[in-house]
Amino acid sequence: MNTDIKTSWTAVIQEDPETGDCILEFPPEMLDQVGWKEGDTLVWKEMDNGAWSLSKKAVNEVTE
């Protein structure tokens, strides 16, 4: 078992200075580790402790 794999990250929400939209910028090493790439659809899930979880939407997954 590889114990060097990080399983959680903290990201700071930033504001796009041109549009005012909120941005979450993910570090490249995190994207590589979780297998996400630009254009993927992510699903937000609120956890019981008030934290949030993000996962890549499965091809056939239906979201609310």
C-alpha atoms as a PDB file:
ATOM      1  CA  MET A   1       0.000   0.000   0.000  1.00  0.00           C
ATOM      2  CA  ASN A   2       1.349   3.408  -0.987  1.00  0.00           C
ATOM      3  CA  THR A   3       1.165   5.708   2.044  1.00  0.00           C
ATOM      4  CA  ASP A   4       2.457   8.701   0.045  1.00  0.00           C
ATOM      5  CA  ILE A   5      -0.940   9.263  -1.604  1.00  0.00           C
ATOM      6  CA  LYS A   6      -2.708  12.344  -0.306  1.00  0.00           C
ATOM      7  CA  THR A   7      -6.477  11.880   0.058  1.00  0.00           C
ATOM      8  CA  SER A   8      -7.642  15.397   0.893  1.00  0.00           C
ATOM      9  CA  TRP A   9      -6.775  18.934  -0.109  1.00  0.00           C
ATOM     10  CA  THR A  10      -7.892  22.396   0.923  1.00  0.00           C
ATOM     11  CA  ALA A  11      -8.545  24.919  -1.824  1.00  0.00           C
ATOM     12  CA  VAL A  12      -9.113  28.651  -1.525  1.00  0.00           C
ATOM     13  CA  ILE A  13     -12.012  30.101  -3.472  1.00  0.00           C
ATOM     14  CA  GLN A  14     -10.754  32.946  -5.648  1.00  0.00           C
ATOM     15  CA  GLU A  15     -12.593  35.585  -7.630  1.00  0.00           C
ATOM     16  CA  ASP A  16     -12.049  36.086 -11.357  1.00  0.00           C
ATOM     17  CA  PRO A  17     -11.150  39.795 -11.592  1.00  0.00           C
ATOM     18  CA  GLU A  18     -12.778  40.132 -15.023  1.00  0.00           C
ATOM     19  CA  THR A  19     -16.099  38.370 -14.402  1.00  0.00           C
ATOM     20  CA  GLY A  20     -16.481  38.244 -10.622  1.00  0.00           C
ATOM     21  CA  ASP A  21     -17.086  34.473 -10.877  1.00  0.00           C
ATOM     22  CA  CYS A  22     -15.770  32.213  -8.131  1.00  0.00           C
ATOM     23  CA  ILE A  23     -12.856  29.957  -9.083  1.00  0.00           C
ATOM     24  CA  LEU A  24     -11.413  26.839  -7.460  1.00  0.00           C
ATOM     25  CA  GLU A  25      -7.946  26.221  -8.843  1.00  0.00           C
ATOM     26  CA  PHE A  26      -6.729  22.664  -8.324  1.00  0.00           C
ATOM     27  CA  PRO A  27      -3.007  21.866  -8.148  1.00  0.00           C
ATOM     28  CA  PRO A  28      -1.759  19.779 -11.102  1.00  0.00           C
ATOM     29  CA  GLU A  29      -0.454  17.006  -8.809  1.00  0.00           C
ATOM     30  CA  MET A  30      -3.941  16.640  -7.299  1.00  0.00           C
ATOM     31  CA  LEU A  31      -5.558  16.435 -10.741  1.00  0.00           C
ATOM     32  CA  ASP A  32      -3.051  13.765 -11.778  1.00  0.00           C
ATOM     33  CA  GLN A  33      -3.645  11.751  -8.610  1.00  0.00           C
ATOM     34  CA  VAL A  34      -7.459  11.763  -8.823  1.00  0.00           C
ATOM     35  CA  GLY A  35      -7.583  11.401 -12.611  1.00  0.00           C
ATOM     36  CA  TRP A  36      -9.457  14.631 -13.362  1.00  0.00           C
ATOM     37  CA  LYS A  37      -8.856  16.840 -16.372  1.00  0.00           C
ATOM     38  CA  GLU A  38     -10.195  20.119 -17.710  1.00  0.00           C
ATOM     39  CA  GLY A  39     -13.740  19.644 -18.983  1.00  0.00           C
ATOM     40  CA  ASP A  40     -14.704  16.911 -16.487  1.00  0.00           C
ATOM     41  CA  THR A  41     -17.998  17.387 -14.648  1.00  0.00           C
ATOM     42  CA  LEU A  42     -17.595  17.339 -10.872  1.00  0.00           C
ATOM     43  CA  VAL A  43     -20.297  16.510  -8.349  1.00  0.00           C
ATOM     44  CA  TRP A  44     -20.436  18.418  -5.045  1.00  0.00           C
ATOM     45  CA  LYS A  45     -21.710  16.522  -1.998  1.00  0.00           C
ATOM     46  CA  GLU A  46     -22.231  18.050   1.450  1.00  0.00           C
ATOM     47  CA  MET A  47     -20.938  15.774   4.195  1.00  0.00           C
ATOM     48  CA  ASP A  48     -22.594  15.299   7.603  1.00  0.00           C
ATOM     49  CA  ASN A  49     -19.833  17.322   9.301  1.00  0.00           C
ATOM     50  CA  GLY A  50     -20.431  20.402   7.103  1.00  0.00           C
ATOM     51  CA  ALA A  51     -17.458  19.694   4.822  1.00  0.00           C
ATOM     52  CA  TRP A  52     -17.876  19.175   1.085  1.00  0.00           C
ATOM     53  CA  SER A  53     -16.744  16.340  -1.149  1.00  0.00           C
ATOM     54  CA  LEU A  54     -16.021  16.557  -4.879  1.00  0.00           C
ATOM     55  CA  SER A  55     -16.001  13.596  -7.226  1.00  0.00           C
ATOM     56  CA  LYS A  56     -15.919  13.135 -10.968  1.00  0.00           C
ATOM     57  CA  LYS A  57     -19.379  12.509 -12.394  1.00  0.00           C
ATOM     58  CA  ALA A  58     -19.739   9.027 -13.855  1.00  0.00           C
ATOM     59  CA  VAL A  59     -20.853   8.907 -17.496  1.00  0.00           C
ATOM     60  CA  ASN A  60     -24.287   7.484 -16.630  1.00  0.00           C
ATOM     61  CA  GLU A  61     -24.737   9.269 -13.269  1.00  0.00           C
ATOM     62  CA  VAL A  62     -27.822  11.441 -12.800  1.00  0.00           C
ATOM     63  CA  THR A  63     -27.376  14.509 -10.581  1.00  0.00           C
ATOM     64  CA  GLU A  64     -29.961  16.787  -9.032  1.00  0.00           C
END
